[in-house]
Amino acid sequence: MLEIKENRELNVANLLSYRGKVKQAELENAGKEMADYIQNAGTKRVGNPITVGYNVTKKMDMLNPENTEIDVYVGISPNIL
């Protein structure tokens, strides 16, 4: 069983975060833009992300799907705290 630790600080470097409204048809292009950004920064891939992408629905609008909000998360490393 994992232990929950409190009052800890996590410092990260070289972290890429993308936040914005993206239509489903534009999602693949957003991923390509991030990959290009990483490559243009002179970095390279050194391993495989820990999880596949997973979605968390924040707001569902069945009448107007364009207003639906979904967060997409990809784990990049195990929690080491």
N, C-alpha and C. Protein backbone atom coordinates (compact mmCIF):
# COMPACT_ATOMS: atom_id res chain seq x y z
N MET A 1 0.84 -1.18 0.00
CA MET A 1 0.00 0.00 0.00
C MET A 1 0.89 1.25 0.00
N LEU A 2 0.51 2.24 -0.78
CA LEU A 2 1.27 3.47 -0.86
C LEU A 2 1.00 4.37 0.34
N GLU A 3 2.03 5.04 0.76
CA GLU A 3 1.90 5.98 1.87
C GLU A 3 1.71 7.38 1.31
N ILE A 4 0.75 8.11 1.82
CA ILE A 4 0.53 9.50 1.42
C ILE A 4 1.38 10.39 2.30
N LYS A 5 2.26 11.15 1.65
CA LYS A 5 3.13 12.04 2.39
C LYS A 5 2.62 13.46 2.23
N GLU A 6 2.62 14.21 3.32
CA GLU A 6 2.11 15.57 3.30
C GLU A 6 3.25 16.57 3.48
N ASN A 7 2.95 17.82 3.14
CA ASN A 7 3.89 18.93 3.32
C ASN A 7 5.22 18.68 2.62
N ARG A 8 5.14 18.16 1.40
CA ARG A 8 6.33 17.92 0.59
C ARG A 8 6.32 18.90 -0.58
N GLU A 9 7.47 19.17 -1.11
CA GLU A 9 7.60 20.07 -2.25
C GLU A 9 8.17 19.29 -3.42
N LEU A 10 7.59 19.47 -4.58
CA LEU A 10 8.07 18.81 -5.78
C LEU A 10 8.59 19.87 -6.74
N ASN A 11 9.85 19.80 -7.07
CA ASN A 11 10.45 20.71 -8.04
C ASN A 11 10.67 19.94 -9.33
N VAL A 12 10.23 20.51 -10.42
CA VAL A 12 10.41 19.85 -11.71
C VAL A 12 11.14 20.78 -12.66
N ALA A 13 11.85 20.19 -13.57
CA ALA A 13 12.54 20.94 -14.62
C ALA A 13 12.22 20.28 -15.95
N ASN A 14 12.29 21.06 -16.99
CA ASN A 14 12.06 20.52 -18.34
C ASN A 14 10.69 19.87 -18.47
N LEU A 15 9.70 20.55 -17.96
CA LEU A 15 8.33 20.05 -18.00
C LEU A 15 7.57 20.82 -19.06
N LEU A 16 6.82 20.12 -19.90
CA LEU A 16 6.02 20.75 -20.93
C LEU A 16 4.56 20.60 -20.58
N SER A 17 3.85 21.70 -20.58
CA SER A 17 2.43 21.68 -20.29
C SER A 17 1.71 22.43 -21.41
N TYR A 18 0.60 21.88 -21.84
CA TYR A 18 -0.20 22.52 -22.89
C TYR A 18 -1.60 22.68 -22.34
N ARG A 19 -2.09 23.87 -22.37
CA ARG A 19 -3.45 24.11 -21.87
C ARG A 19 -4.15 25.02 -22.85
N GLY A 20 -5.33 24.66 -23.25
CA GLY A 20 -6.09 25.48 -24.17
C GLY A 20 -7.30 24.71 -24.67
N LYS A 21 -8.11 25.40 -25.40
CA LYS A 21 -9.28 24.75 -25.99
C LYS A 21 -8.87 24.21 -27.35
N VAL A 22 -9.06 22.91 -27.52
CA VAL A 22 -8.68 22.24 -28.75
C VAL A 22 -9.85 21.36 -29.18
N LYS A 23 -10.25 21.50 -30.43
CA LYS A 23 -11.28 20.63 -30.95
C LYS A 23 -10.68 19.26 -31.20
N GLN A 24 -11.51 18.23 -31.16
CA GLN A 24 -11.01 16.88 -31.32
C GLN A 24 -10.24 16.72 -32.62
N ALA A 25 -10.69 17.37 -33.68
CA ALA A 25 -10.01 17.28 -34.97
C ALA A 25 -8.63 17.92 -34.93
N GLU A 26 -8.39 18.82 -33.97
CA GLU A 26 -7.11 19.52 -33.87
C GLU A 26 -6.16 18.87 -32.86
N LEU A 27 -6.63 17.86 -32.14
CA LEU A 27 -5.85 17.27 -31.06
C LEU A 27 -4.54 16.65 -31.55
N GLU A 28 -4.59 15.93 -32.66
CA GLU A 28 -3.37 15.31 -33.18
C GLU A 28 -2.35 16.37 -33.57
N ASN A 29 -2.82 17.46 -34.17
CA ASN A 29 -1.92 18.55 -34.55
C ASN A 29 -1.28 19.19 -33.32
N ALA A 30 -2.02 19.33 -32.24
CA ALA A 30 -1.47 19.90 -31.00
C ALA A 30 -0.34 19.01 -30.49
N GLY A 31 -0.51 17.70 -30.55
CA GLY A 31 0.53 16.77 -30.13
C GLY A 31 1.77 16.89 -31.00
N LYS A 32 1.58 17.06 -32.30
CA LYS A 32 2.71 17.23 -33.21
C LYS A 32 3.45 18.54 -32.92
N GLU A 33 2.69 19.59 -32.60
CA GLU A 33 3.33 20.87 -32.25
C GLU A 33 4.19 20.73 -31.00
N MET A 34 3.72 19.97 -30.01
CA MET A 34 4.52 19.76 -28.80
C MET A 34 5.78 18.95 -29.13
N ALA A 35 5.64 17.93 -29.96
CA ALA A 35 6.80 17.13 -30.35
C ALA A 35 7.82 17.99 -31.09
N ASP A 36 7.34 18.86 -31.98
CA ASP A 36 8.24 19.77 -32.70
C ASP A 36 8.94 20.72 -31.74
N TYR A 37 8.21 21.23 -30.76
CA TYR A 37 8.79 22.14 -29.77
C TYR A 37 9.93 21.45 -29.01
N ILE A 38 9.68 20.22 -28.61
CA ILE A 38 10.70 19.46 -27.87
C ILE A 38 11.93 19.25 -28.75
N GLN A 39 11.71 18.86 -29.99
CA GLN A 39 12.84 18.62 -30.89
C GLN A 39 13.61 19.90 -31.18
N ASN A 40 12.91 21.01 -31.41
CA ASN A 40 13.56 22.29 -31.70
C ASN A 40 14.32 22.84 -30.51
N ALA A 41 13.97 22.39 -29.31
CA ALA A 41 14.68 22.83 -28.11
C ALA A 41 15.99 22.07 -27.93
N GLY A 42 16.27 21.15 -28.85
CA GLY A 42 17.53 20.40 -28.78
C GLY A 42 17.50 19.23 -27.83
N THR A 43 16.32 18.78 -27.47
CA THR A 43 16.22 17.65 -26.55
C THR A 43 15.89 16.40 -27.32
N LYS A 44 15.95 15.28 -26.65
CA LYS A 44 15.59 14.04 -27.29
C LYS A 44 14.86 13.15 -26.30
N ARG A 45 14.14 12.22 -26.82
CA ARG A 45 13.39 11.27 -26.01
C ARG A 45 14.35 10.26 -25.40
N VAL A 46 14.21 10.01 -24.11
CA VAL A 46 15.12 9.09 -23.44
C VAL A 46 14.39 7.88 -22.84
N GLY A 47 13.09 7.84 -22.98
CA GLY A 47 12.36 6.70 -22.43
C GLY A 47 10.91 6.78 -22.83
N ASN A 48 10.11 5.85 -22.42
CA ASN A 48 8.69 5.84 -22.72
C ASN A 48 7.88 6.35 -21.59
N PRO A 49 6.56 7.62 -22.03
CA PRO A 49 5.79 8.14 -21.04
C PRO A 49 5.21 7.00 -20.24
N ILE A 50 4.93 6.98 -18.73
CA ILE A 50 4.56 5.90 -17.82
C ILE A 50 3.13 5.42 -18.12
N THR A 51 2.25 6.25 -18.53
CA THR A 51 0.86 5.88 -18.82
C THR A 51 0.49 6.29 -20.24
N VAL A 52 -0.52 5.69 -20.74
CA VAL A 52 -1.13 6.17 -21.97
C VAL A 52 -1.95 7.41 -21.59
N GLY A 53 -2.36 8.17 -22.56
CA GLY A 53 -3.21 9.32 -22.26
C GLY A 53 -4.54 8.86 -21.72
N TYR A 54 -5.03 9.56 -20.73
CA TYR A 54 -6.36 9.24 -20.23
C TYR A 54 -7.14 10.53 -20.05
N ASN A 55 -8.44 10.44 -20.21
CA ASN A 55 -9.32 11.61 -20.21
C ASN A 55 -10.08 11.73 -18.90
N VAL A 56 -10.26 12.96 -18.48
CA VAL A 56 -11.11 13.27 -17.34
C VAL A 56 -12.10 14.33 -17.82
N THR A 57 -13.36 13.97 -17.86
CA THR A 57 -14.38 14.90 -18.33
C THR A 57 -14.69 15.91 -17.25
N LYS A 58 -14.49 17.19 -17.57
CA LYS A 58 -14.77 18.25 -16.62
C LYS A 58 -16.18 18.78 -16.77
N LYS A 59 -16.65 18.92 -18.02
CA LYS A 59 -18.00 19.43 -18.27
C LYS A 59 -18.52 18.78 -19.54
N MET A 60 -19.70 18.18 -19.47
CA MET A 60 -20.30 17.52 -20.63
C MET A 60 -21.50 18.34 -21.10
N ASP A 61 -21.53 18.66 -22.37
CA ASP A 61 -22.65 19.39 -22.96
C ASP A 61 -23.19 18.55 -24.11
N MET A 62 -24.23 17.78 -23.85
CA MET A 62 -24.79 16.88 -24.86
C MET A 62 -25.45 17.65 -26.00
N LEU A 63 -25.98 18.83 -25.72
CA LEU A 63 -26.65 19.61 -26.76
C LEU A 63 -25.67 20.33 -27.67
N ASN A 64 -24.53 20.73 -27.12
CA ASN A 64 -23.51 21.43 -27.90
C ASN A 64 -22.15 20.85 -27.54
N PRO A 65 -21.74 19.78 -28.21
CA PRO A 65 -20.48 19.10 -27.87
C PRO A 65 -19.26 20.00 -27.91
N GLU A 66 -19.30 21.10 -28.64
CA GLU A 66 -18.16 22.02 -28.69
C GLU A 66 -17.88 22.63 -27.32
N ASN A 67 -18.86 22.63 -26.43
CA ASN A 67 -18.69 23.19 -25.10
C ASN A 67 -18.23 22.15 -24.06
N THR A 68 -18.06 20.91 -24.48
CA THR A 68 -17.60 19.87 -23.57
C THR A 68 -16.14 20.13 -23.22
N GLU A 69 -15.78 19.96 -21.96
CA GLU A 69 -14.40 20.16 -21.51
C GLU A 69 -13.84 18.84 -20.98
N ILE A 70 -12.69 18.43 -21.52
CA ILE A 70 -12.04 17.20 -21.13
C ILE A 70 -10.57 17.49 -20.91
N ASP A 71 -10.04 17.06 -19.77
CA ASP A 71 -8.60 17.13 -19.52
C ASP A 71 -7.98 15.81 -19.97
N VAL A 72 -6.83 15.89 -20.64
CA VAL A 72 -6.10 14.70 -21.06
C VAL A 72 -4.79 14.68 -20.28
N TYR A 73 -4.52 13.58 -19.59
CA TYR A 73 -3.32 13.44 -18.77
C TYR A 73 -2.44 12.31 -19.29
N VAL A 74 -1.15 12.50 -19.22
CA VAL A 74 -0.19 11.46 -19.55
C VAL A 74 0.85 11.45 -18.44
N GLY A 75 1.01 10.32 -17.77
CA GLY A 75 2.02 10.21 -16.72
C GLY A 75 3.41 10.18 -17.34
N ILE A 76 4.35 10.93 -16.78
CA ILE A 76 5.68 10.99 -17.36
C ILE A 76 6.75 10.33 -16.50
N SER A 77 6.50 10.14 -15.24
CA SER A 77 7.46 9.46 -14.39
C SER A 77 6.75 9.01 -13.12
N PRO A 78 7.29 8.02 -12.46
CA PRO A 78 6.64 7.58 -11.22
C PRO A 78 6.78 8.63 -10.13
N ASN A 79 5.85 8.62 -9.23
CA ASN A 79 5.93 9.54 -8.10
C ASN A 79 7.06 9.09 -7.19
N ILE A 80 8.01 9.98 -6.95
CA ILE A 80 9.17 9.60 -6.17
C ILE A 80 9.24 10.29 -4.82
N LEU A 81 8.17 10.98 -4.46
CA LEU A 81 8.16 11.65 -3.15
C LEU A 81 8.03 10.66 -2.02
